């Protein structure tokens, strides 16, 4: 039953995102959905737990923020690249993630990487190692705003995690 649900979710998602209804493409979509379902089943992704969507509507408040950060970072990096002196001050920054789950930390790391001028290099024990192209990019990261917004995706914070959002900064 679980494999059927996974297959149906994949198929509906494929049809909605594809928008093509020719026999050939529908056949490819069907084949890829079957293949992914079989691979997921073989990889034992079905551990018997029910699949629940627990985020609610919180991503709808995070996505506009993330998009605005991507646009602002694009404009900032464009100014840096087009400047005569190219004020690039590369540095590695260590940032403590206040998210409790690993998946939320991955979302935080991916959000950092999506914003131009910063790239998450490593995540270990709740600490992200990030390459920042400019001092402004590093300072924006150390402000902790994105960390707080990603942590809000998980819901109210528990009492066990009360660490600060920034840990230390290292120059390259």
Protein backbone atom coordinates (compact mmCIF):
# COMPACT_ATOMS: atom_id res chain seq x y z
CA UNK A 1 0.00 0.00 0.00
CA UNK A 2 2.84 2.38 0.87
CA UNK A 3 4.54 1.73 -2.49
CA UNK A 4 1.28 2.52 -4.25
CA UNK A 5 0.99 5.82 -2.37
CA UNK A 6 4.58 6.75 -3.23
CA UNK A 7 3.99 5.84 -6.87
CA UNK A 8 0.78 7.90 -7.01
CA UNK A 9 2.44 10.94 -5.40
CA UNK A 10 5.33 10.71 -7.87
CA UNK A 11 3.01 10.27 -10.85
CA UNK A 12 0.74 13.18 -9.91
CA UNK A 13 3.75 15.41 -9.25
CA UNK A 14 5.29 14.42 -12.58
CA UNK A 15 2.08 15.12 -14.53
CA UNK A 16 1.52 18.47 -12.82
CA UNK A 17 5.10 19.64 -13.30
CA UNK A 18 5.50 18.22 -16.80
CA UNK A 19 2.35 19.48 -18.46
CA UNK A 20 2.98 17.24 -21.48
CA UNK A 21 0.47 14.56 -22.40
CA UNK A 22 1.94 12.80 -25.43
CA UNK A 23 2.09 9.00 -25.32
CA UNK A 24 5.88 8.93 -25.40
CA UNK A 25 6.34 11.38 -22.54
CA UNK A 26 3.59 9.80 -20.44
CA UNK A 27 5.33 6.45 -20.97
CA UNK A 28 8.68 7.90 -19.85
CA UNK A 29 7.00 9.46 -16.82
CA UNK A 30 5.31 6.18 -15.92
CA UNK A 31 8.56 4.27 -16.31
CA UNK A 32 10.52 6.75 -14.19
CA UNK A 33 7.87 6.71 -11.43
CA UNK A 34 7.94 2.90 -11.36
CA UNK A 35 11.75 2.88 -11.29
CA UNK A 36 11.97 5.41 -8.44
CA UNK A 37 9.31 3.55 -6.45
CA UNK A 38 11.17 0.25 -6.86
CA UNK A 39 14.52 1.83 -5.97
CA UNK A 40 13.08 3.50 -2.88
CA UNK A 41 11.51 0.24 -1.80
CA UNK A 42 14.76 -1.63 -2.34
CA UNK A 43 16.66 0.98 -0.32
CA UNK A 44 14.33 0.27 2.62
CA UNK A 45 13.00 3.80 2.91
CA UNK A 46 9.81 2.31 4.25
CA UNK A 47 10.42 1.79 7.94
CA UNK A 48 6.82 1.34 8.97
CA UNK A 49 6.34 4.89 10.26
CA UNK A 50 3.46 6.88 8.90
CA UNK A 51 4.41 9.74 6.63
CA UNK A 52 3.16 13.02 8.10
CA UNK A 53 3.60 16.51 6.82
CA UNK A 54 4.40 18.46 9.96
CA UNK A 55 5.44 21.85 8.64
CA UNK A 56 1.95 23.19 8.09
CA UNK A 57 1.97 26.55 6.34
CA UNK A 58 5.32 27.72 7.78
CA UNK A 59 7.19 27.26 4.44
CA UNK A 60 4.84 29.82 2.89
CA UNK A 61 6.33 32.46 5.17
CA UNK A 62 9.92 31.26 4.67
CA UNK A 63 9.96 31.05 0.87
CA UNK A 64 9.30 34.78 0.24
CA UNK A 65 12.07 35.62 2.71
CA UNK A 66 14.46 33.21 0.96
CA UNK A 67 13.58 34.60 -2.47
CA UNK A 68 14.20 38.17 -1.28
CA UNK A 69 17.57 37.12 0.17
CA UNK A 70 18.52 35.49 -3.14
CA UNK A 71 17.62 38.67 -5.06
CA UNK A 72 19.47 40.93 -2.59
CA UNK A 73 22.54 38.67 -2.71
CA UNK A 74 22.45 38.61 -6.52
CA UNK A 75 22.44 42.41 -6.62
CA UNK A 76 25.24 42.59 -4.04
CA UNK A 77 27.46 40.12 -5.91
CA UNK A 78 26.76 41.87 -9.22
CA UNK A 79 27.94 45.17 -7.66
CA UNK A 80 31.07 43.47 -6.35
CA UNK A 81 31.91 41.87 -9.68
CA UNK A 82 31.25 45.04 -11.68
CA UNK A 83 33.27 47.28 -9.35
CA UNK A 84 36.69 48.34 -10.60
CA UNK A 85 38.53 47.08 -7.52
CA UNK A 86 36.29 44.04 -6.94
CA UNK A 87 36.09 44.26 -3.14
CA UNK A 88 36.31 40.52 -2.54
CA UNK A 89 37.29 39.46 0.98
CA UNK A 90 36.93 35.70 1.01
CA UNK A 91 36.59 34.03 4.37
CA UNK A 92 35.44 30.85 6.00
CA UNK A 93 32.76 31.32 8.61
CA UNK A 94 31.63 28.80 11.20
CA UNK A 95 27.98 29.22 12.12
CA UNK A 96 26.14 27.27 14.80
CA UNK A 97 22.76 26.07 13.56
CA UNK A 98 19.95 26.41 16.06
CA UNK A 99 17.78 23.87 14.24
CA UNK A 100 17.16 20.66 16.16
CA UNK A 101 16.74 18.14 13.34
CA UNK A 102 19.35 17.21 10.76
CA UNK A 103 16.92 17.86 7.92
CA UNK A 104 16.29 21.40 9.16
CA UNK A 105 20.06 21.96 9.33
CA UNK A 106 20.32 20.75 5.73
CA UNK A 107 17.56 23.19 4.72
CA UNK A 108 19.55 25.96 6.44
CA UNK A 109 22.76 24.92 4.66
CA UNK A 110 20.98 24.74 1.30
CA UNK A 111 19.40 28.15 1.89
CA UNK A 112 22.87 29.59 2.52
CA UNK A 113 24.18 27.98 -0.67
CA UNK A 114 21.25 29.29 -2.71
CA UNK A 115 22.13 32.87 -1.82
CA UNK A 116 24.94 34.04 -4.13
CA UNK A 117 28.23 34.79 -2.43
CA UNK A 118 27.96 32.04 0.18
CA UNK A 119 28.45 28.30 -0.05
CA UNK A 120 27.97 25.76 2.71
CA UNK A 121 31.00 23.47 2.68
CA UNK A 122 30.30 21.20 5.65
CA UNK A 123 27.76 20.50 8.38
CA UNK A 124 28.95 18.65 11.49
CA UNK A 125 27.50 18.51 14.98
CA UNK A 126 25.22 21.47 14.33
CA UNK A 127 28.02 23.71 13.01
CA UNK A 128 28.11 24.84 9.38
CA UNK A 129 31.33 25.77 7.62
CA UNK A 130 30.51 28.41 5.03
CA UNK A 131 32.65 30.13 2.39
CA UNK A 132 31.70 33.80 2.05
CA UNK A 133 32.90 35.82 -0.92
CA UNK A 134 32.63 39.21 0.80
CA UNK A 135 32.68 40.62 4.32
CA UNK A 136 29.06 41.80 3.90
CA UNK A 137 27.99 38.25 3.00
CA UNK A 138 29.74 36.89 6.08
CA UNK A 139 28.28 39.59 8.32
CA UNK A 140 24.79 38.91 6.98
CA UNK A 141 25.23 35.26 7.78
CA UNK A 142 26.55 35.95 11.27
CA UNK A 143 23.56 38.19 12.01
CA UNK A 144 21.58 34.96 12.42
CA UNK A 145 18.38 36.07 10.67
CA UNK A 146 18.33 33.15 8.21
CA UNK A 147 19.12 30.74 11.04
CA UNK A 148 16.17 32.04 13.06
CA UNK A 149 13.83 31.78 10.09
CA UNK A 150 14.94 28.22 9.28
CA UNK A 151 14.54 27.26 12.93
CA UNK A 152 11.01 28.66 12.84
CA UNK A 153 10.19 26.08 10.15
CA UNK A 154 10.48 23.38 12.81
CA UNK A 155 7.95 25.07 15.03
CA UNK A 156 8.37 26.40 18.57
CA UNK A 157 11.88 25.82 19.97
CA UNK A 158 12.34 23.18 22.63
CA UNK A 159 13.98 23.99 25.93
CA UNK A 160 16.99 21.75 25.16
CA UNK A 161 18.38 23.91 22.34
CA UNK A 162 19.26 27.39 23.46
CA UNK A 163 22.55 27.95 21.60
CA UNK A 164 23.39 31.17 19.85
CA UNK A 165 23.24 31.37 16.08
CA UNK A 166 26.84 32.34 15.44
CA UNK A 167 29.90 30.64 16.80
CA UNK A 168 33.10 31.97 15.34
CA UNK A 169 34.64 33.39 12.21
CA UNK A 170 37.86 32.43 10.49
CA UNK A 171 39.55 34.30 7.64
CA UNK A 172 40.89 32.50 4.59
